[in-house]
Amino acid sequence: RDSVAQGLRLFLWGLFKKIVIANNLYEPVSQVYNGVHNYTG
């Protein structure tokens, strides 16, 4: 039971990092690199 509980907590933590943080930082990064010559400064 403890191992399963640890696994579920870790999965939830990873899901939070991916969806709440990474995905919301990705859009500007992707936008600039897909048209880098349109940006400066």
PDB file of all heavy atoms in Angstrom:
ATOM      1  N   ARG A   1       0.815  -1.209   0.000  1.00  0.00           N
ATOM      2  CA  ARG A   1       0.000   0.000   0.000  1.00  0.00           C
ATOM      3  C   ARG A   1       0.853   1.266   0.000  1.00  0.00           C
ATOM      4  O   ARG A   1       0.549   2.228  -0.710  1.00  0.00           O
ATOM      5  CB  ARG A   1      -0.924  -0.014   1.228  1.00  0.00           C
ATOM      6  CG  ARG A   1      -1.828   1.195   1.313  1.00  0.00           C
ATOM      7  CD  ARG A   1      -2.691   1.152   2.550  1.00  0.00           C
ATOM      8  NE  ARG A   1      -3.462   2.375   2.694  1.00  0.00           N
ATOM      9  CZ  ARG A   1      -4.256   2.629   3.720  1.00  0.00           C
ATOM     10  NH1 ARG A   1      -4.373   1.745   4.708  1.00  0.00           N
ATOM     11  NH2 ARG A   1      -4.923   3.760   3.778  1.00  0.00           N
ATOM     12  N   ASP A   2       1.930   1.275   0.786  1.00  0.00           N
ATOM     13  CA  ASP A   2       2.793   2.461   0.870  1.00  0.00           C
ATOM     14  C   ASP A   2       3.460   2.753  -0.472  1.00  0.00           C
ATOM     15  O   ASP A   2       3.575   3.910  -0.882  1.00  0.00           O
ATOM     16  CB  ASP A   2       3.866   2.266   1.949  1.00  0.00           C
ATOM     17  CG  ASP A   2       3.281   2.312   3.353  1.00  0.00           C
ATOM     18  OD1 ASP A   2       2.173   2.880   3.512  1.00  0.00           O
ATOM     19  OD2 ASP A   2       3.919   1.784   4.273  1.00  0.00           O
ATOM     20  N   SER A   3       3.901   1.697  -1.138  1.00  0.00           N
ATOM     21  CA  SER A   3       4.553   1.872  -2.441  1.00  0.00           C
ATOM     22  C   SER A   3       3.574   2.446  -3.464  1.00  0.00           C
ATOM     23  O   SER A   3       3.908   3.347  -4.234  1.00  0.00           O
ATOM     24  CB  SER A   3       5.104   0.533  -2.939  1.00  0.00           C
ATOM     25  OG  SER A   3       5.730   0.679  -4.195  1.00  0.00           O
ATOM     26  N   VAL A   4       2.363   1.931  -3.464  1.00  0.00           N
ATOM     27  CA  VAL A   4       1.329   2.430  -4.392  1.00  0.00           C
ATOM     28  C   VAL A   4       1.002   3.879  -4.075  1.00  0.00           C
ATOM     29  O   VAL A   4       0.881   4.715  -4.984  1.00  0.00           O
ATOM     30  CB  VAL A   4       0.061   1.549  -4.309  1.00  0.00           C
ATOM     31  CG1 VAL A   4      -1.072   2.164  -5.141  1.00  0.00           C
ATOM     32  CG2 VAL A   4       0.365   0.137  -4.806  1.00  0.00           C
ATOM     33  N   ALA A   5       0.874   4.207  -2.788  1.00  0.00           N
ATOM     34  CA  ALA A   5       0.570   5.593  -2.388  1.00  0.00           C
ATOM     35  C   ALA A   5       1.687   6.539  -2.824  1.00  0.00           C
ATOM     36  O   ALA A   5       1.437   7.642  -3.334  1.00  0.00           O
ATOM     37  CB  ALA A   5       0.357   5.667  -0.880  1.00  0.00           C
ATOM     38  N   GLN A   6       2.940   6.105  -2.639  1.00  0.00           N
ATOM     39  CA  GLN A   6       4.077   6.924  -3.073  1.00  0.00           C
ATOM     40  C   GLN A   6       4.045   7.131  -4.577  1.00  0.00           C
ATOM     41  O   GLN A   6       4.323   8.226  -5.077  1.00  0.00           O
ATOM     42  CB  GLN A   6       5.389   6.252  -2.661  1.00  0.00           C
ATOM     43  CG  GLN A   6       5.656   6.258  -1.167  1.00  0.00           C
ATOM     44  CD  GLN A   6       6.858   5.389  -0.808  1.00  0.00           C
ATOM     45  OE1 GLN A   6       7.744   5.152  -1.628  1.00  0.00           O
ATOM     46  NE2 GLN A   6       6.872   4.896   0.421  1.00  0.00           N
ATOM     47  N   GLY A   7       3.724   6.072  -5.304  1.00  0.00           N
ATOM     48  CA  GLY A   7       3.658   6.164  -6.758  1.00  0.00           C
ATOM     49  C   GLY A   7       2.586   7.132  -7.227  1.00  0.00           C
ATOM     50  O   GLY A   7       2.812   7.943  -8.134  1.00  0.00           O
ATOM     51  N   LEU A   8       1.426   7.077  -6.605  1.00  0.00           N
ATOM     52  CA  LEU A   8       0.334   7.979  -6.982  1.00  0.00           C
ATOM     53  C   LEU A   8       0.675   9.432  -6.674  1.00  0.00           C
ATOM     54  O   LEU A   8       0.379  10.336  -7.468  1.00  0.00           O
ATOM     55  CB  LEU A   8      -0.951   7.571  -6.254  1.00  0.00           C
ATOM     56  CG  LEU A   8      -1.569   6.237  -6.701  1.00  0.00           C
ATOM     57  CD1 LEU A   8      -2.746   5.867  -5.786  1.00  0.00           C
ATOM     58  CD2 LEU A   8      -2.030   6.305  -8.154  1.00  0.00           C
ATOM     59  N   ARG A   9       1.314   9.668  -5.519  1.00  0.00           N
ATOM     60  CA  ARG A   9       1.732  11.038  -5.173  1.00  0.00           C
ATOM     61  C   ARG A   9       2.748  11.563  -6.177  1.00  0.00           C
ATOM     62  O   ARG A   9       2.682  12.715  -6.622  1.00  0.00           O
ATOM     63  CB  ARG A   9       2.331  11.077  -3.763  1.00  0.00           C
ATOM     64  CG  ARG A   9       1.322  11.219  -2.643  1.00  0.00           C
ATOM     65  CD  ARG A   9       1.988  11.619  -1.344  1.00  0.00           C
ATOM     66  NE  ARG A   9       2.993  10.677  -0.912  1.00  0.00           N
ATOM     67  CZ  ARG A   9       2.738   9.613  -0.145  1.00  0.00           C
ATOM     68  NH1 ARG A   9       1.512   9.378   0.278  1.00  0.00           N
ATOM     69  NH2 ARG A   9       3.722   8.801   0.212  1.00  0.00           N
ATOM     70  N   LEU A  10       3.699  10.717  -6.536  1.00  0.00           N
ATOM     71  CA  LEU A  10       4.739  11.133  -7.467  1.00  0.00           C
ATOM     72  C   LEU A  10       4.143  11.409  -8.853  1.00  0.00           C
ATOM     73  O   LEU A  10       4.523  12.384  -9.525  1.00  0.00           O
ATOM     74  CB  LEU A  10       5.807  10.045  -7.562  1.00  0.00           C
ATOM     75  CG  LEU A  10       7.167  10.409  -8.164  1.00  0.00           C
ATOM     76  CD1 LEU A  10       7.762  11.644  -7.508  1.00  0.00           C
ATOM     77  CD2 LEU A  10       8.123   9.224  -8.043  1.00  0.00           C
ATOM     78  N   PHE A  11       3.212  10.574  -9.268  1.00  0.00           N
ATOM     79  CA  PHE A  11       2.554  10.782 -10.557  1.00  0.00           C
ATOM     80  C   PHE A  11       1.772  12.097 -10.560  1.00  0.00           C
ATOM     81  O   PHE A  11       1.832  12.876 -11.523  1.00  0.00           O
ATOM     82  CB  PHE A  11       1.606   9.619 -10.866  1.00  0.00           C
ATOM     83  CG  PHE A  11       1.058   9.653 -12.260  1.00  0.00           C
ATOM     84  CD1 PHE A  11       1.717   9.013 -13.294  1.00  0.00           C
ATOM     85  CD2 PHE A  11      -0.113  10.338 -12.557  1.00  0.00           C
ATOM     86  CE1 PHE A  11       1.221   9.053 -14.598  1.00  0.00           C
ATOM     87  CE2 PHE A  11      -0.620  10.386 -13.846  1.00  0.00           C
ATOM     88  CZ  PHE A  11       0.051   9.735 -14.867  1.00  0.00           C
ATOM     89  N   LEU A  12       1.049  12.366  -9.488  1.00  0.00           N
ATOM     90  CA  LEU A  12       0.288  13.614  -9.376  1.00  0.00           C
ATOM     91  C   LEU A  12       1.224  14.820  -9.400  1.00  0.00           C
ATOM     92  O   LEU A  12       0.924  15.832 -10.061  1.00  0.00           O
ATOM     93  CB  LEU A  12      -0.521  13.605  -8.077  1.00  0.00           C
ATOM     94  CG  LEU A  12      -1.341  14.868  -7.767  1.00  0.00           C
ATOM     95  CD1 LEU A  12      -2.411  15.093  -8.832  1.00  0.00           C
ATOM     96  CD2 LEU A  12      -1.976  14.776  -6.382  1.00  0.00           C
ATOM     97  N   TRP A  13       2.339  14.725  -8.716  1.00  0.00           N
ATOM     98  CA  TRP A  13       3.310  15.819  -8.683  1.00  0.00           C
ATOM     99  C   TRP A  13       3.875  16.082 -10.077  1.00  0.00           C
ATOM    100  O   TRP A  13       4.007  17.230 -10.514  1.00  0.00           O
ATOM    101  CB  TRP A  13       4.422  15.469  -7.703  1.00  0.00           C
ATOM    102  CG  TRP A  13       5.426  16.553  -7.441  1.00  0.00           C
ATOM    103  CD1 TRP A  13       6.768  16.474  -7.598  1.00  0.00           C
ATOM    104  CD2 TRP A  13       5.163  17.861  -6.929  1.00  0.00           C
ATOM    105  NE1 TRP A  13       7.371  17.653  -7.233  1.00  0.00           N
ATOM    106  CE2 TRP A  13       6.409  18.524  -6.820  1.00  0.00           C
ATOM    107  CE3 TRP A  13       4.002  18.539  -6.560  1.00  0.00           C
ATOM    108  CZ2 TRP A  13       6.524  19.835  -6.360  1.00  0.00           C
ATOM    109  CZ3 TRP A  13       4.122  19.847  -6.094  1.00  0.00           C
ATOM    110  CH2 TRP A  13       5.362  20.477  -6.002  1.00  0.00           C
ATOM    111  N   GLY A  14       4.191  15.015 -10.790  1.00  0.00           N
ATOM    112  CA  GLY A  14       4.692  15.165 -12.158  1.00  0.00           C
ATOM    113  C   GLY A  14       3.655  15.762 -13.080  1.00  0.00           C
ATOM    114  O   GLY A  14       3.966  16.591 -13.943  1.00  0.00           O
ATOM    115  N   LEU A  15       2.408  15.346 -12.898  1.00  0.00           N
ATOM    116  CA  LEU A  15       1.311  15.884 -13.706  1.00  0.00           C
ATOM    117  C   LEU A  15       1.144  17.381 -13.463  1.00  0.00           C
ATOM    118  O   LEU A  15       0.937  18.165 -14.398  1.00  0.00           O
ATOM    119  CB  LEU A  15       0.025  15.138 -13.340  1.00  0.00           C
ATOM    120  CG  LEU A  15      -1.141  15.176 -14.332  1.00  0.00           C
ATOM    121  CD1 LEU A  15      -0.748  14.576 -15.670  1.00  0.00           C
ATOM    122  CD2 LEU A  15      -2.338  14.435 -13.749  1.00  0.00           C
ATOM    123  N   PHE A  16       1.271  17.797 -12.213  1.00  0.00           N
ATOM    124  CA  PHE A  16       1.189  19.227 -11.870  1.00  0.00           C
ATOM    125  C   PHE A  16       2.321  19.996 -12.548  1.00  0.00           C
ATOM    126  O   PHE A  16       2.105  21.058 -13.136  1.00  0.00           O
ATOM    127  CB  PHE A  16       1.263  19.386 -10.350  1.00  0.00           C
ATOM    128  CG  PHE A  16       1.273  20.823  -9.896  1.00  0.00           C
ATOM    129  CD1 PHE A  16       0.085  21.513  -9.695  1.00  0.00           C
ATOM    130  CD2 PHE A  16       2.472  21.485  -9.676  1.00  0.00           C
ATOM    131  CE1 PHE A  16       0.090  22.841  -9.278  1.00  0.00           C
ATOM    132  CE2 PHE A  16       2.493  22.808  -9.262  1.00  0.00           C
ATOM    133  CZ  PHE A  16       1.291  23.489  -9.065  1.00  0.00           C
ATOM    134  N   LYS A  17       3.540  19.480 -12.440  1.00  0.00           N
ATOM    135  CA  LYS A  17       4.686  20.167 -13.044  1.00  0.00           C
ATOM    136  C   LYS A  17       4.528  20.301 -14.556  1.00  0.00           C
ATOM    137  O   LYS A  17       4.871  21.340 -15.136  1.00  0.00           O
ATOM    138  CB  LYS A  17       5.977  19.403 -12.707  1.00  0.00           C
ATOM    139  CG  LYS A  17       6.380  19.522 -11.243  1.00  0.00           C
ATOM    140  CD  LYS A  17       7.353  18.440 -10.823  1.00  0.00           C
ATOM    141  CE  LYS A  17       8.749  18.672 -11.313  1.00  0.00           C
ATOM    142  NZ  LYS A  17       9.692  17.662 -10.747  1.00  0.00           N
ATOM    143  N   LYS A  18       4.017  19.260 -15.180  1.00  0.00           N
ATOM    144  CA  LYS A  18       3.864  19.280 -16.639  1.00  0.00           C
ATOM    145  C   LYS A  18       2.747  20.216 -17.085  1.00  0.00           C
ATOM    146  O   LYS A  18       2.944  21.080 -17.958  1.00  0.00           O
ATOM    147  CB  LYS A  18       3.599  17.854 -17.137  1.00  0.00           C
ATOM    148  CG  LYS A  18       3.102  17.748 -18.579  1.00  0.00           C
ATOM    149  CD  LYS A  18       4.104  18.303 -19.571  1.00  0.00           C
ATOM    150  CE  LYS A  18       3.599  18.082 -21.008  1.00  0.00           C
ATOM    151  NZ  LYS A  18       4.447  18.788 -22.000  1.00  0.00           N
ATOM    152  N   ILE A  19       1.546  20.061 -16.509  1.00  0.00           N
ATOM    153  CA  ILE A  19       0.374  20.780 -17.011  1.00  0.00           C
ATOM    154  C   ILE A  19       0.317  22.218 -16.519  1.00  0.00           C
ATOM    155  O   ILE A  19       0.062  23.147 -17.303  1.00  0.00           O
ATOM    156  CB  ILE A  19      -0.919  20.014 -16.637  1.00  0.00           C
ATOM    157  CG1 ILE A  19      -0.975  18.699 -17.414  1.00  0.00           C
ATOM    158  CG2 ILE A  19      -2.149  20.866 -16.923  1.00  0.00           C
ATOM    159  CD1 ILE A  19      -2.177  17.849 -17.124  1.00  0.00           C
ATOM    160  N   VAL A  20       0.571  22.416 -15.240  1.00  0.00           N
ATOM    161  CA  VAL A  20       0.407  23.765 -14.672  1.00  0.00           C
ATOM    162  C   VAL A  20       1.609  24.654 -14.983  1.00  0.00           C
ATOM    163  O   VAL A  20       1.443  25.844 -15.254  1.00  0.00           O
ATOM    164  CB  VAL A  20       0.166  23.691 -13.154  1.00  0.00           C
ATOM    165  CG1 VAL A  20       0.035  25.087 -12.552  1.00  0.00           C
ATOM    166  CG2 VAL A  20      -1.090  22.871 -12.855  1.00  0.00           C
ATOM    167  N   ILE A  21       2.807  24.082 -14.984  1.00  0.00           N
ATOM    168  CA  ILE A  21       4.003  24.913 -15.196  1.00  0.00           C
ATOM    169  C   ILE A  21       4.548  24.773 -16.619  1.00  0.00           C
ATOM    170  O   ILE A  21       4.581  25.750 -17.376  1.00  0.00           O
ATOM    171  CB  ILE A  21       5.097  24.577 -14.169  1.00  0.00           C
ATOM    172  CG1 ILE A  21       4.557  24.775 -12.742  1.00  0.00           C
ATOM    173  CG2 ILE A  21       6.337  25.459 -14.389  1.00  0.00           C
ATOM    174  CD1 ILE A  21       5.538  24.427 -11.640  1.00  0.00           C
ATOM    175  N   ALA A  22       4.974  23.568 -16.994  1.00  0.00           N
ATOM    176  CA  ALA A  22       5.663  23.395 -18.280  1.00  0.00           C
ATOM    177  C   ALA A  22       4.812  23.822 -19.472  1.00  0.00           C
ATOM    178  O   ALA A  22       5.266  24.581 -20.330  1.00  0.00           O
ATOM    179  CB  ALA A  22       6.107  21.940 -18.438  1.00  0.00           C
ATOM    180  N   ASN A  23       3.583  23.334 -19.539  1.00  0.00           N
ATOM    181  CA  ASN A  23       2.746  23.655 -20.695  1.00  0.00           C
ATOM    182  C   ASN A  23       2.488  25.150 -20.839  1.00  0.00           C
ATOM    183  O   ASN A  23       2.380  25.677 -21.949  1.00  0.00           O
ATOM    184  CB  ASN A  23       1.410  22.911 -20.615  1.00  0.00           C
ATOM    185  CG  ASN A  23       1.544  21.449 -21.002  1.00  0.00           C
ATOM    186  OD1 ASN A  23       2.632  20.990 -21.342  1.00  0.00           O
ATOM    187  ND2 ASN A  23       0.450  20.711 -20.949  1.00  0.00           N
ATOM    188  N   ASN A  24       2.388  25.855 -19.731  1.00  0.00           N
ATOM    189  CA  ASN A  24       2.110  27.294 -19.790  1.00  0.00           C
ATOM    190  C   ASN A  24       3.354  28.126 -20.062  1.00  0.00           C
ATOM    191  O   ASN A  24       3.249  29.297 -20.416  1.00  0.00           O
ATOM    192  CB  ASN A  24       1.444  27.748 -18.491  1.00  0.00           C
ATOM    193  CG  ASN A  24       0.027  27.217 -18.370  1.00  0.00           C
ATOM    194  OD1 ASN A  24      -0.741  27.250 -19.315  1.00  0.00           O
ATOM    195  ND2 ASN A  24      -0.302  26.669 -17.214  1.00  0.00           N
ATOM    196  N   LEU A  25       4.534  27.524 -19.897  1.00  0.00           N
ATOM    197  CA  LEU A  25       5.769  28.198 -20.296  1.00  0.00           C
ATOM    198  C   LEU A  25       6.151  27.863 -21.735  1.00  0.00           C
ATOM    199  O   LEU A  25       6.937  28.575 -22.361  1.00  0.00           O
ATOM    200  CB  LEU A  25       6.919  27.793 -19.366  1.00  0.00           C
ATOM    201  CG  LEU A  25       6.786  28.176 -17.883  1.00  0.00           C
ATOM    202  CD1 LEU A  25       8.011  27.694 -17.109  1.00  0.00           C
ATOM    203  CD2 LEU A  25       6.615  29.684 -17.716  1.00  0.00           C
ATOM    204  N   TYR A  26       5.574  26.777 -22.241  1.00  0.00           N
ATOM    205  CA  TYR A  26       5.941  26.298 -23.579  1.00  0.00           C
ATOM    206  C   TYR A  26       5.495  27.227 -24.699  1.00  0.00           C
ATOM    207  O   TYR A  26       6.245  27.452 -25.657  1.00  0.00           O
ATOM    208  CB  TYR A  26       5.347  24.908 -23.801  1.00  0.00           C
ATOM    209  CG  TYR A  26       5.490  24.405 -25.223  1.00  0.00           C
ATOM    210  CD1 TYR A  26       6.724  23.967 -25.693  1.00  0.00           C
ATOM    211  CD2 TYR A  26       4.397  24.375 -26.089  1.00  0.00           C
ATOM    212  CE1 TYR A  26       6.869  23.502 -26.989  1.00  0.00           C
ATOM    213  CE2 TYR A  26       4.535  23.921 -27.389  1.00  0.00           C
ATOM    214  CZ  TYR A  26       5.772  23.483 -27.836  1.00  0.00           C
ATOM    215  OH  TYR A  26       5.909  23.031 -29.123  1.00  0.00           O
ATOM    216  N   GLU A  27       4.295  27.774 -24.586  1.00  0.00           N
ATOM    217  CA  GLU A  27       3.729  28.552 -25.692  1.00  0.00           C
ATOM    218  C   GLU A  27       4.638  29.699 -26.145  1.00  0.00           C
ATOM    219  O   GLU A  27       4.950  29.814 -27.332  1.00  0.00           O
ATOM    220  CB  GLU A  27       2.341  29.071 -25.310  1.00  0.00           C
ATOM    221  CG  GLU A  27       1.284  27.975 -25.156  1.00  0.00           C
ATOM    222  CD  GLU A  27       0.917  27.306 -26.467  1.00  0.00           C
ATOM    223  OE1 GLU A  27       1.350  27.784 -27.529  1.00  0.00           O
ATOM    224  OE2 GLU A  27       0.207  26.291 -26.425  1.00  0.00           O
ATOM    225  N   PRO A  28       5.107  30.588 -25.235  1.00  0.00           N
ATOM    226  CA  PRO A  28       6.010  31.660 -25.681  1.00  0.00           C
ATOM    227  C   PRO A  28       7.324  31.128 -26.248  1.00  0.00           C
ATOM    228  O   PRO A  28       7.841  31.665 -27.233  1.00  0.00           O
ATOM    229  CB  PRO A  28       6.249  32.470 -24.401  1.00  0.00           C
ATOM    230  CG  PRO A  28       5.107  32.146 -23.512  1.00  0.00           C
ATOM    231  CD  PRO A  28       4.756  30.726 -23.815  1.00  0.00           C
ATOM    232  N   VAL A  29       7.871  30.084 -25.633  1.00  0.00           N
ATOM    233  CA  VAL A  29       9.119  29.500 -26.122  1.00  0.00           C
ATOM    234  C   VAL A  29       8.929  28.961 -27.531  1.00  0.00           C
ATOM    235  O   VAL A  29       9.725  29.235 -28.446  1.00  0.00           O
ATOM    236  CB  VAL A  29       9.610  28.386 -25.176  1.00  0.00           C
ATOM    237  CG1 VAL A  29      10.826  27.664 -25.761  1.00  0.00           C
ATOM    238  CG2 VAL A  29       9.941  28.954 -23.801  1.00  0.00           C
ATOM    239  N   SER A  30       7.859  28.217 -27.732  1.00  0.00           N
ATOM    240  CA  SER A  30       7.556  27.657 -29.055  1.00  0.00           C
ATOM    241  C   SER A  30       7.302  28.755 -30.078  1.00  0.00           C
ATOM    242  O   SER A  30       7.784  28.689 -31.217  1.00  0.00           O
ATOM    243  CB  SER A  30       6.336  26.737 -28.943  1.00  0.00           C
ATOM    244  OG  SER A  30       5.925  26.295 -30.209  1.00  0.00           O
ATOM    245  N   GLN A  31       6.557  29.765 -29.684  1.00  0.00           N
ATOM    246  CA  GLN A  31       6.214  30.859 -30.593  1.00  0.00           C
ATOM    247  C   GLN A  31       7.465  31.576 -31.100  1.00  0.00           C
ATOM    248  O   GLN A  31       7.591  31.863 -32.295  1.00  0.00           O
ATOM    249  CB  GLN A  31       5.307  31.863 -29.879  1.00  0.00           C
ATOM    250  CG  GLN A  31       4.858  33.041 -30.740  1.00  0.00           C
ATOM    251  CD  GLN A  31       3.923  33.963 -29.972  1.00  0.00           C
ATOM    252  OE1 GLN A  31       3.115  33.501 -29.160  1.00  0.00           O
ATOM    253  NE2 GLN A  31       4.030  35.254 -30.221  1.00  0.00           N
ATOM    254  N   VAL A  32       8.398  31.845 -30.207  1.00  0.00           N
ATOM    255  CA  VAL A  32       9.620  32.560 -30.600  1.00  0.00           C
ATOM    256  C   VAL A  32      10.507  31.680 -31.474  1.00  0.00           C
ATOM    257  O   VAL A  32      10.999  32.127 -32.521  1.00  0.00           O
ATOM    258  CB  VAL A  32      10.390  33.042 -29.351  1.00  0.00           C
ATOM    259  CG1 VAL A  32      11.797  33.497 -29.725  1.00  0.00           C
ATOM    260  CG2 VAL A  32       9.627  34.180 -28.681  1.00  0.00           C
ATOM    261  N   TYR A  33      10.702  30.418 -31.097  1.00  0.00           N
ATOM    262  CA  TYR A  33      11.601  29.571 -31.884  1.00  0.00           C
ATOM    263  C   TYR A  33      11.016  29.190 -33.238  1.00  0.00           C
ATOM    264  O   TYR A  33      11.766  28.874 -34.167  1.00  0.00           O
ATOM    265  CB  TYR A  33      11.987  28.323 -31.088  1.00  0.00           C
ATOM    266  CG  TYR A  33      13.130  28.580 -30.138  1.00  0.00           C
ATOM    267  CD1 TYR A  33      12.906  28.708 -28.771  1.00  0.00           C
ATOM    268  CD2 TYR A  33      14.427  28.731 -30.606  1.00  0.00           C
ATOM    269  CE1 TYR A  33      13.955  28.967 -27.893  1.00  0.00           C
ATOM    270  CE2 TYR A  33      15.479  28.992 -29.739  1.00  0.00           C
ATOM    271  CZ  TYR A  33      15.230  29.109 -28.391  1.00  0.00           C
ATOM    272  OH  TYR A  33      16.270  29.383 -27.531  1.00  0.00           O
ATOM    273  N   ASN A  34       9.713  29.208 -33.372  1.00  0.00           N
ATOM    274  CA  ASN A  34       9.101  28.920 -34.672  1.00  0.00           C
ATOM    275  C   ASN A  34       9.185  30.098 -35.635  1.00  0.00           C
ATOM    276  O   ASN A  34       8.938  29.947 -36.829  1.00  0.00           O
ATOM    277  CB  ASN A  34       7.641  28.502 -34.492  1.00  0.00           C
ATOM    278  CG  ASN A  34       7.512  27.092 -33.945  1.00  0.00           C
ATOM    279  OD1 ASN A  34       8.407  26.264 -34.137  1.00  0.00           O
ATOM    280  ND2 ASN A  34       6.423  26.818 -33.243  1.00  0.00           N
ATOM    281  N   GLY A  35       9.517  31.268 -35.112  1.00  0.00           N
ATOM    282  CA  GLY A  35       9.692  32.438 -35.968  1.00  0.00           C
ATOM    283  C   GLY A  35      10.721  33.369 -35.376  1.00  0.00           C
ATOM    284  O   GLY A  35      10.467  34.568 -35.196  1.00  0.00           O
ATOM    285  N   VAL A  36      11.895  32.823 -35.055  1.00  0.00           N
ATOM    286  CA  VAL A  36      12.886  33.557 -34.277  1.00  0.00           C
ATOM    287  C   VAL A  36      13.313  34.864 -34.935  1.00  0.00           C
ATOM    288  O   VAL A  36      13.620  35.847 -34.253  1.00  0.00           O
ATOM    289  CB  VAL A  36      14.120  32.660 -33.998  1.00  0.00           C
ATOM    290  CG1 VAL A  36      14.873  32.329 -35.276  1.00  0.00           C
ATOM    291  CG2 VAL A  36      15.034  33.295 -32.970  1.00  0.00           C
ATOM    292  N   HIS A  37      13.291  34.933 -36.256  1.00  0.00           N
ATOM    293  CA  HIS A  37      13.734  36.144 -36.957  1.00  0.00           C
ATOM    294  C   HIS A  37      12.738  37.296 -36.828  1.00  0.00           C
ATOM    295  O   HIS A  37      13.041  38.411 -37.265  1.00  0.00           O
ATOM    296  CB  HIS A  37      13.997  35.824 -38.424  1.00  0.00           C
ATOM    297  CG  HIS A  37      15.145  34.877 -38.628  1.00  0.00           C
ATOM    298  ND1 HIS A  37      16.456  35.292 -38.701  1.00  0.00           N
ATOM    299  CD2 HIS A  37      15.178  33.523 -38.725  1.00  0.00           C
ATOM    300  CE1 HIS A  37      17.238  34.241 -38.853  1.00  0.00           C
ATOM    301  NE2 HIS A  37      16.492  33.149 -38.872  1.00  0.00           N
ATOM    302  N   ASN A  38      11.610  37.036 -36.231  1.00  0.00           N
ATOM    303  CA  ASN A  38      10.623  38.098 -36.006  1.00  0.00           C
ATOM    304  C   ASN A  38      10.799  38.776 -34.641  1.00  0.00           C
ATOM    305  O   ASN A  38      10.041  39.687 -34.307  1.00  0.00           O
ATOM    306  CB  ASN A  38       9.200  37.533 -36.096  1.00  0.00           C
ATOM    307  CG  ASN A  38       8.896  36.959 -37.469  1.00  0.00           C
ATOM    308  OD1 ASN A  38       9.329  37.509 -38.482  1.00  0.00           O
ATOM    309  ND2 ASN A  38       8.173  35.837 -37.499  1.00  0.00           N
ATOM    310  N   TYR A  39      11.786  38.333 -33.866  1.00  0.00           N
ATOM    311  CA  TYR A  39      11.924  38.837 -32.493  1.00  0.00           C
ATOM    312  C   TYR A  39      13.338  39.362 -32.242  1.00  0.00           C
ATOM    313  O   TYR A  39      14.317  38.882 -32.830  1.00  0.00           O
ATOM    314  CB  TYR A  39      11.608  37.728 -31.488  1.00  0.00           C
ATOM    315  CG  TYR A  39      10.195  37.225 -31.582  1.00  0.00           C
ATOM    316  CD1 TYR A  39       9.874  36.145 -32.401  1.00  0.00           C
ATOM    317  CD2 TYR A  39       9.175  37.835 -30.862  1.00  0.00           C
ATOM    318  CE1 TYR A  39       8.574  35.683 -32.505  1.00  0.00           C
ATOM    319  CE2 TYR A  39       7.868  37.378 -30.951  1.00  0.00           C
ATOM    320  CZ  TYR A  39       7.578  36.306 -31.778  1.00  0.00           C
ATOM    321  OH  TYR A  39       6.280  35.857 -31.869  1.00  0.00           O
ATOM    322  N   THR A  40      13.413  40.327 -31.367  1.00  0.00           N
ATOM    323  CA  THR A  40      14.701  40.856 -30.905  1.00  0.00           C
ATOM    324  C   THR A  40      14.559  41.285 -29.442  1.00  0.00           C
ATOM    325  O   THR A  40      13.451  41.325 -28.901  1.00  0.00           O
ATOM    326  CB  THR A  40      15.134  42.101 -31.717  1.00  0.00           C
ATOM    327  OG1 THR A  40      14.119  43.117 -31.595  1.00  0.00           O
ATOM    328  CG2 THR A  40      15.367  41.781 -33.184  1.00  0.00           C
ATOM    329  N   GLY A  41      15.688  41.615 -28.832  1.00  0.00           N
ATOM    330  CA  GLY A  41      15.691  42.268 -27.527  1.00  0.00           C
ATOM    331  C   GLY A  41      14.944  41.555 -26.429  1.00  0.00           C
ATOM    332  O   GLY A  41      15.177  40.376 -26.137  1.00  0.00           O
TER     333      GLY A  41
END
